PDB file of N, CA and C in Angstrom:
ATOM      1  N   MET A   1     -13.410  -2.950 165.688  1.00  0.00           N
ATOM      2  CA  MET A   1     -12.940  -3.206 164.349  1.00  0.00           C
ATOM      3  C   MET A   1     -13.510  -4.553 163.894  1.00  0.00           C
ATOM      4  N   THR A   2     -14.060  -4.597 162.695  1.00  0.00           N
ATOM      5  CA  THR A   2     -14.610  -5.842 162.157  1.00  0.00           C
ATOM      6  C   THR A   2     -13.484  -6.738 161.645  1.00  0.00           C
ATOM      7  N   PHE A   3     -13.812  -7.978 161.345  1.00  0.00           N
ATOM      8  CA  PHE A   3     -12.829  -8.914 160.796  1.00  0.00           C
ATOM      9  C   PHE A   3     -12.222  -8.330 159.527  1.00  0.00           C
ATOM     10  N   THR A   4     -13.070  -7.819 158.652  1.00  0.00           N
ATOM     11  CA  THR A   4     -12.625  -7.231 157.390  1.00  0.00           C
ATOM     12  C   THR A   4     -11.622  -6.106 157.627  1.00  0.00           C
ATOM     13  N   GLU A   5     -11.974  -5.201 158.520  1.00  0.00           N
ATOM     14  CA  GLU A   5     -11.088  -4.067 158.816  1.00  0.00           C
ATOM     15  C   GLU A   5      -9.772  -4.540 159.424  1.00  0.00           C
ATOM     16  N   ARG A   6      -9.851  -5.531 160.294  1.00  0.00           N
ATOM     17  CA  ARG A   6      -8.644  -6.016 160.965  1.00  0.00           C
ATOM     18  C   ARG A   6      -7.706  -6.701 159.980  1.00  0.00           C
ATOM     19  N   VAL A   7      -8.249  -7.539 159.097  1.00  0.00           N
ATOM     20  CA  VAL A   7      -7.406  -8.202 158.097  1.00  0.00           C
ATOM     21  C   VAL A   7      -6.726  -7.154 157.223  1.00  0.00           C
ATOM     22  N   ALA A   8      -7.485  -6.184 156.733  1.00  0.00           N
ATOM     23  CA  ALA A   8      -6.917  -5.135 155.888  1.00  0.00           C
ATOM     24  C   ALA A   8      -5.833  -4.364 156.632  1.00  0.00           C
ATOM     25  N   ALA A   9      -6.080  -4.018 157.888  1.00  0.00           N
ATOM     26  CA  ALA A   9      -5.111  -3.262 158.678  1.00  0.00           C
ATOM     27  C   ALA A   9      -3.835  -4.072 158.923  1.00  0.00           C
ATOM     28  N   GLU A  10      -3.993  -5.351 159.235  1.00  0.00           N
ATOM     29  CA  GLU A  10      -2.827  -6.190 159.503  1.00  0.00           C
ATOM     30  C   GLU A  10      -1.996  -6.406 158.240  1.00  0.00           C
ATOM     31  N   LEU A  11      -2.654  -6.599 157.112  1.00  0.00           N
ATOM     32  CA  LEU A  11      -1.910  -6.747 155.859  1.00  0.00           C
ATOM     33  C   LEU A  11      -1.141  -5.465 155.541  1.00  0.00           C
ATOM     34  N   GLU A  12      -1.809  -4.329 155.689  1.00  0.00           N
ATOM     35  CA  GLU A  12      -1.168  -3.045 155.407  1.00  0.00           C
ATOM     36  C   GLU A  12       0.015  -2.802 156.350  1.00  0.00           C
ATOM     37  N   ALA A  13      -0.177  -3.085 157.625  1.00  0.00           N
ATOM     38  CA  ALA A  13       0.887  -2.869 158.607  1.00  0.00           C
ATOM     39  C   ALA A  13       2.126  -3.712 158.300  1.00  0.00           C
ATOM     40  N   ARG A  14       1.912  -4.873 157.702  1.00  0.00           N
ATOM     41  CA  ARG A  14       3.021  -5.776 157.386  1.00  0.00           C
ATOM     42  C   ARG A  14       3.536  -5.582 155.961  1.00  0.00           C
ATOM     43  N   GLY A  15       2.886  -4.706 155.202  1.00  0.00           N
ATOM     44  CA  GLY A  15       3.287  -4.494 153.813  1.00  0.00           C
ATOM     45  C   GLY A  15       3.000  -5.702 152.934  1.00  0.00           C
ATOM     46  N   LEU A  16       1.921  -6.430 153.274  1.00  0.00           N
ATOM     47  CA  LEU A  16       1.559  -7.647 152.549  1.00  0.00           C
ATOM     48  C   LEU A  16       0.349  -7.412 151.648  1.00  0.00           C
ATOM     49  N   GLU A  17       0.202  -8.297 150.700  1.00  0.00           N
ATOM     50  CA  GLU A  17      -0.929  -8.297 149.779  1.00  0.00           C
ATOM     51  C   GLU A  17      -1.775  -9.543 150.042  1.00  0.00           C
ATOM     52  N   PRO A  18      -3.006  -9.559 149.546  1.00  0.00           N
ATOM     53  CA  PRO A  18      -3.843 -10.758 149.720  1.00  0.00           C
ATOM     54  C   PRO A  18      -3.177 -12.046 149.233  1.00  0.00           C
ATOM     55  N   ILE A  19      -2.361 -11.968 148.202  1.00  0.00           N
ATOM     56  CA  ILE A  19      -1.688 -13.183 147.708  1.00  0.00           C
ATOM     57  C   ILE A  19      -0.748 -13.765 148.765  1.00  0.00           C
ATOM     58  N   ASN A  20      -0.120 -12.892 149.559  1.00  0.00           N
ATOM     59  CA  ASN A  20       0.754 -13.375 150.633  1.00  0.00           C
ATOM     60  C   ASN A  20      -0.045 -14.113 151.697  1.00  0.00           C
ATOM     61  N   LEU A  21      -1.215 -13.568 152.037  1.00  0.00           N
ATOM     62  CA  LEU A  21      -2.077 -14.223 153.018  1.00  0.00           C
ATOM     63  C   LEU A  21      -2.583 -15.555 152.469  1.00  0.00           C
ATOM     64  N   ALA A  22      -2.979 -15.572 151.207  1.00  0.00           N
ATOM     65  CA  ALA A  22      -3.458 -16.817 150.596  1.00  0.00           C
ATOM     66  C   ALA A  22      -2.374 -17.897 150.639  1.00  0.00           C
ATOM     67  N   SER A  23      -1.135 -17.508 150.369  1.00  0.00           N
ATOM     68  CA  SER A  23      -0.020 -18.463 150.413  1.00  0.00           C
ATOM     69  C   SER A  23       0.193 -19.008 151.814  1.00  0.00           C
ATOM     70  N   GLU A  24       0.167 -18.131 152.801  1.00  0.00           N
ATOM     71  CA  GLU A  24       0.364 -18.553 154.185  1.00  0.00           C
ATOM     72  C   GLU A  24      -0.786 -19.448 154.657  1.00  0.00           C
ATOM     73  N   LEU A  25      -2.001 -19.110 154.277  1.00  0.00           N
ATOM     74  CA  LEU A  25      -3.147 -19.949 154.645  1.00  0.00           C
ATOM     75  C   LEU A  25      -3.029 -21.328 154.001  1.00  0.00           C
ATOM     76  N   SER A  26      -2.563 -21.360 152.764  1.00  0.00           N
ATOM     77  CA  SER A  26      -2.388 -22.634 152.064  1.00  0.00           C
ATOM     78  C   SER A  26      -1.379 -23.521 152.799  1.00  0.00           C
ATOM     79  N   LEU A  27      -0.307 -22.927 153.288  1.00  0.00           N
ATOM     80  CA  LEU A  27       0.700 -23.682 154.055  1.00  0.00           C
ATOM     81  C   LEU A  27       0.111 -24.277 155.322  1.00  0.00           C
ATOM     82  N   ARG A  28      -0.966 -23.667 155.804  1.00  0.00           N
ATOM     83  CA  ARG A  28      -1.622 -24.136 157.033  1.00  0.00           C
ATOM     84  C   ARG A  28      -2.891 -24.942 156.748  1.00  0.00           C
ATOM     85  N   GLY A  29      -3.033 -25.400 155.510  1.00  0.00           N
ATOM     86  CA  GLY A  29      -4.137 -26.289 155.158  1.00  0.00           C
ATOM     87  C   GLY A  29      -5.438 -25.611 154.769  1.00  0.00           C
ATOM     88  N   GLN A  30      -5.422 -24.294 154.602  1.00  0.00           N
ATOM     89  CA  GLN A  30      -6.626 -23.555 154.209  1.00  0.00           C
ATOM     90  C   GLN A  30      -6.451 -23.085 152.762  1.00  0.00           C
ATOM     91  N   ARG A  31      -7.129 -23.724 151.849  1.00  0.00           N
ATOM     92  CA  ARG A  31      -7.000 -23.370 150.436  1.00  0.00           C
ATOM     93  C   ARG A  31      -7.994 -22.257 150.119  1.00  0.00           C
ATOM     94  N   ILE A  32      -7.520 -21.025 150.188  1.00  0.00           N
ATOM     95  CA  ILE A  32      -8.351 -19.846 149.980  1.00  0.00           C
ATOM     96  C   ILE A  32      -7.780 -19.049 148.819  1.00  0.00           C
ATOM     97  N   SER A  33      -8.625 -18.671 147.897  1.00  0.00           N
ATOM     98  CA  SER A  33      -8.153 -17.912 146.740  1.00  0.00           C
ATOM     99  C   SER A  33      -7.927 -16.449 147.097  1.00  0.00           C
ATOM    100  N   VAL A  34      -7.103 -15.807 146.298  1.00  0.00           N
ATOM    101  CA  VAL A  34      -6.873 -14.373 146.459  1.00  0.00           C
ATOM    102  C   VAL A  34      -8.190 -13.629 146.258  1.00  0.00           C
ATOM    103  N   ALA A  35      -8.992 -14.092 145.305  1.00  0.00           N
ATOM    104  CA  ALA A  35     -10.301 -13.456 145.051  1.00  0.00           C
ATOM    105  C   ALA A  35     -11.192 -13.526 146.287  1.00  0.00           C
ATOM    106  N   ALA A  36     -11.157 -14.652 146.999  1.00  0.00           N
ATOM    107  CA  ALA A  36     -11.970 -14.785 148.219  1.00  0.00           C
ATOM    108  C   ALA A  36     -11.492 -13.806 149.285  1.00  0.00           C
ATOM    109  N   ILE A  37     -10.189 -13.680 149.444  1.00  0.00           N
ATOM    110  CA  ILE A  37      -9.650 -12.744 150.436  1.00  0.00           C
ATOM    111  C   ILE A  37     -10.027 -11.313 150.065  1.00  0.00           C
ATOM    112  N   CYS A  38      -9.936 -10.976 148.796  1.00  0.00           N
ATOM    113  CA  CYS A  38     -10.336  -9.633 148.342  1.00  0.00           C
ATOM    114  C   CYS A  38     -11.821  -9.395 148.609  1.00  0.00           C
ATOM    115  N   SER A  39     -12.619 -10.434 148.451  1.00  0.00           N
ATOM    116  CA  SER A  39     -14.050 -10.334 148.736  1.00  0.00           C
ATOM    117  C   SER A  39     -14.288 -10.063 150.217  1.00  0.00           C
ATOM    118  N   TRP A  40     -13.501 -10.700 151.100  1.00  0.00           N
ATOM    119  CA  TRP A  40     -13.604 -10.412 152.536  1.00  0.00           C
ATOM    120  C   TRP A  40     -13.278  -8.954 152.781  1.00  0.00           C
ATOM    121  N   MET A  41     -12.186  -8.498 152.154  1.00  0.00           N
ATOM    122  CA  MET A  41     -11.697  -7.140 152.405  1.00  0.00           C
ATOM    123  C   MET A  41     -12.670  -6.073 151.905  1.00  0.00           C
ATOM    124  N   ARG A  42     -13.463  -6.417 150.915  1.00  0.00           N
ATOM    125  CA  ARG A  42     -14.502  -5.488 150.430  1.00  0.00           C
ATOM    126  C   ARG A  42     -15.784  -5.604 151.258  1.00  0.00           C
ATOM    127  N   GLY A  43     -15.827  -6.566 152.164  1.00  0.00           N
ATOM    128  CA  GLY A  43     -16.998  -6.769 153.000  1.00  0.00           C
ATOM    129  C   GLY A  43     -18.131  -7.493 152.288  1.00  0.00           C
ATOM    130  N   GLU A  44     -17.842  -8.108 151.166  1.00  0.00           N
ATOM    131  CA  GLU A  44     -18.872  -8.816 150.401  1.00  0.00           C
ATOM    132  C   GLU A  44     -19.184 -10.193 150.984  1.00  0.00           C
ATOM    133  N   THR A  45     -18.155 -10.833 151.513  1.00  0.00           N
ATOM    134  CA  THR A  45     -18.319 -12.159 152.117  1.00  0.00           C
ATOM    135  C   THR A  45     -17.473 -12.216 153.382  1.00  0.00           C
ATOM    136  N   GLU A  46     -17.675 -13.273 154.139  1.00  0.00           N
ATOM    137  CA  GLU A  46     -16.850 -13.524 155.319  1.00  0.00           C
ATOM    138  C   GLU A  46     -16.373 -14.968 155.243  1.00  0.00           C
ATOM    139  N   PRO A  47     -15.221 -15.237 155.831  1.00  0.00           N
ATOM    140  CA  PRO A  47     -14.709 -16.606 155.786  1.00  0.00           C
ATOM    141  C   PRO A  47     -15.475 -17.519 156.729  1.00  0.00           C
ATOM    142  N   ARG A  48     -15.309 -18.809 156.507  1.00  0.00           N
ATOM    143  CA  ARG A  48     -15.809 -19.789 157.476  1.00  0.00           C
ATOM    144  C   ARG A  48     -15.064 -19.576 158.786  1.00  0.00           C
ATOM    145  N   LEU A  49     -15.665 -20.011 159.858  1.00  0.00           N
ATOM    146  CA  LEU A  49     -15.053 -19.834 161.173  1.00  0.00           C
ATOM    147  C   LEU A  49     -13.668 -20.466 161.222  1.00  0.00           C
ATOM    148  N   SER A  50     -13.527 -21.667 160.684  1.00  0.00           N
ATOM    149  CA  SER A  50     -12.218 -22.337 160.718  1.00  0.00           C
ATOM    150  C   SER A  50     -11.160 -21.515 159.986  1.00  0.00           C
ATOM    151  N   THR A  51     -11.538 -20.892 158.887  1.00  0.00           N
ATOM    152  CA  THR A  51     -10.606 -20.054 158.129  1.00  0.00           C
ATOM    153  C   THR A  51     -10.311 -18.760 158.874  1.00  0.00           C
ATOM    154  N   ALA A  52     -11.323 -18.190 159.509  1.00  0.00           N
ATOM    155  CA  ALA A  52     -11.114 -16.968 160.299  1.00  0.00           C
ATOM    156  C   ALA A  52     -10.146 -17.233 161.451  1.00  0.00           C
ATOM    157  N   ILE A  53     -10.254 -18.389 162.071  1.00  0.00           N
ATOM    158  CA  ILE A  53      -9.359 -18.735 163.178  1.00  0.00           C
ATOM    159  C   ILE A  53      -7.912 -18.818 162.692  1.00  0.00           C
ATOM    160  N   VAL A  54      -7.705 -19.525 161.588  1.00  0.00           N
ATOM    161  CA  VAL A  54      -6.343 -19.656 161.053  1.00  0.00           C
ATOM    162  C   VAL A  54      -5.822 -18.298 160.587  1.00  0.00           C
ATOM    163  N   THR A  55      -6.675 -17.509 159.959  1.00  0.00           N
ATOM    164  CA  THR A  55      -6.280 -16.174 159.498  1.00  0.00           C
ATOM    165  C   THR A  55      -5.838 -15.307 160.677  1.00  0.00           C
ATOM    166  N   SER A  56      -6.602 -15.366 161.759  1.00  0.00           N
ATOM    167  CA  SER A  56      -6.238 -14.561 162.936  1.00  0.00           C
ATOM    168  C   SER A  56      -4.911 -15.021 163.532  1.00  0.00           C
ATOM    169  N   LYS A  57      -4.627 -16.311 163.454  1.00  0.00           N
ATOM    170  CA  LYS A  57      -3.335 -16.803 163.950  1.00  0.00           C
ATOM    171  C   LYS A  57      -2.199 -16.346 163.053  1.00  0.00           C
ATOM    172  N   VAL A  58      -2.410 -16.408 161.749  1.00  0.00           N
ATOM    173  CA  VAL A  58      -1.391 -15.967 160.794  1.00  0.00           C
ATOM    174  C   VAL A  58      -1.079 -14.483 160.997  1.00  0.00           C
ATOM    175  N   LEU A  59      -2.121 -13.691 161.173  1.00  0.00           N
ATOM    176  CA  LEU A  59      -1.945 -12.239 161.305  1.00  0.00           C
ATOM    177  C   LEU A  59      -1.797 -11.788 162.762  1.00  0.00           C
ATOM    178  N   GLU A  60      -1.781 -12.751 163.673  1.00  0.00           N
ATOM    179  CA  GLU A  60      -1.516 -12.522 165.090  1.00  0.00           C
ATOM    180  C   GLU A  60      -2.482 -11.547 165.768  1.00  0.00           C
ATOM    181  N   PHE A  61      -3.777 -11.853 165.640  1.00  0.00           N
ATOM    182  CA  PHE A  61      -4.779 -11.115 166.405  1.00  0.00           C
ATOM    183  C   PHE A  61      -5.820 -12.096 166.912  1.00  0.00           C
ATOM    184  N   SER A  62      -6.545 -11.682 167.926  1.00  0.00           N
ATOM    185  CA  SER A  62      -7.549 -12.540 168.537  1.00  0.00           C
ATOM    186  C   SER A  62      -8.926 -12.243 167.949  1.00  0.00           C
ATOM    187  N   LEU A  63      -9.669 -13.276 167.674  1.00  0.00           N
ATOM    188  CA  LEU A  63     -11.044 -13.073 167.208  1.00  0.00           C
ATOM    189  C   LEU A  63     -11.912 -12.474 168.307  1.00  0.00           C
ATOM    190  N   ASP A  64     -11.476 -12.559 169.548  1.00  0.00           N
ATOM    191  CA  ASP A  64     -12.210 -11.936 170.658  1.00  0.00           C
ATOM    192  C   ASP A  64     -12.247 -10.418 170.513  1.00  0.00           C
ATOM    193  N   GLU A  65     -11.297  -9.865 169.767  1.00  0.00           N
ATOM    194  CA  GLU A  65     -11.204  -8.420 169.562  1.00  0.00           C
ATOM    195  C   GLU A  65     -12.119  -7.923 168.438  1.00  0.00           C
ATOM    196  N   ILE A  66     -12.709  -8.841 167.697  1.00  0.00           N
ATOM    197  CA  ILE A  66     -13.485  -8.483 166.505  1.00  0.00           C
ATOM    198  C   ILE A  66     -14.906  -8.089 166.881  1.00  0.00           C
ATOM    199  N   GLU A  67     -15.353  -6.987 166.314  1.00  0.00           N
ATOM    200  CA  GLU A  67     -16.729  -6.529 166.497  1.00  0.00           C
ATOM    201  C   GLU A  67     -17.596  -7.137 165.398  1.00  0.00           C
ATOM    202  N   PRO A  68     -18.862  -7.375 165.680  1.00  0.00           N
ATOM    203  CA  PRO A  68     -19.756  -7.873 164.624  1.00  0.00           C
ATOM    204  C   PRO A  68     -19.992  -6.782 163.586  1.00  0.00           C
ATOM    205  N   LYS A  69     -20.376  -7.220 162.390  1.00  0.00           N
ATOM    206  CA  LYS A  69     -20.755  -6.243 161.371  1.00  0.00           C
ATOM    207  C   LYS A  69     -21.916  -5.418 161.892  1.00  0.00           C
ATOM    208  N   ARG A  70     -21.990  -4.174 161.514  1.00  0.00           N
ATOM    209  CA  ARG A  70     -23.035  -3.271 162.002  1.00  0.00           C
ATOM    210  C   ARG A  70     -24.430  -3.815 161.706  1.00  0.00           C
ATOM    211  N   GLU A  71     -24.642  -4.366 160.510  1.00  0.00           N
ATOM    212  CA  GLU A  71     -25.968  -4.880 160.151  1.00  0.00           C
ATOM    213  C   GLU A  71     -26.375  -6.031 161.069  1.00  0.00           C
ATOM    214  N   ALA A  72     -25.412  -6.913 161.382  1.00  0.00           N
ATOM    215  CA  ALA A  72     -25.713  -8.048 162.249  1.00  0.00           C
ATOM    216  C   ALA A  72     -26.015  -7.583 163.664  1.00  0.00           C
ATOM    217  N   ALA A  73     -25.269  -6.591 164.117  1.00  0.00           N
ATOM    218  CA  ALA A  73     -25.495  -6.065 165.472  1.00  0.00           C
ATOM    219  C   ALA A  73     -26.874  -5.414 165.567  1.00  0.00           C
ATOM    220  N   LEU A  74     -27.276  -4.695 164.547  1.00  0.00           N
ATOM    221  CA  LEU A  74     -28.595  -4.066 164.556  1.00  0.00           C
ATOM    222  C   LEU A  74     -29.701  -5.114 164.529  1.00  0.00           C
ATOM    223  N   ALA A  75     -29.517  -6.158 163.732  1.00  0.00           N
ATOM    224  CA  ALA A  75     -30.527  -7.211 163.629  1.00  0.00           C
ATOM    225  C   ALA A  75     -30.706  -7.934 164.965  1.00  0.00           C
ATOM    226  N   SER A  76     -29.580  -8.181 165.661  1.00  0.00           N
ATOM    227  CA  SER A  76     -29.687  -8.893 166.932  1.00  0.00           C
ATOM    228  C   SER A  76     -30.315  -8.030 168.020  1.00  0.00           C
ATOM    229  N   ASN A  77     -30.325  -6.714 167.828  1.00  0.00           N
ATOM    230  CA  ASN A  77     -30.953  -5.799 168.778  1.00  0.00           C
ATOM    231  C   ASN A  77     -32.386  -5.488 168.387  1.00  0.00           C
ATOM    232  N   GLY A  78     -32.850  -6.121 167.321  1.00  0.00           N
ATOM    233  CA  GLY A  78     -34.235  -5.925 166.887  1.00  0.00           C
ATOM    234  C   GLY A  78     -34.478  -4.609 166.160  1.00  0.00           C
ATOM    235  N   GLN A  79     -33.444  -4.009 165.628  1.00  0.00           N
ATOM    236  CA  GLN A  79     -33.608  -2.729 164.928  1.00  0.00           C
ATOM    237  C   GLN A  79     -33.684  -2.920 163.444  1.00  0.00           C
TER     238      GLN A  79
END
């Protein structure tokens, strides 16, 4: 599961919206807009590593469980 898929799944499982995640991230010193979170969820952008770490803590999952995006995995394999 990619970061994008995991964030979407965790929000859905908790019955939360991107605005709830943005609020929680703000409380932890990460000023992220709802639009930015929606952009992550659409796979258009990815957060900075520091933001991804805090996001994974808020949503209680490990970044070790995250798979790379398919395009990145193909590029690293020379395909």
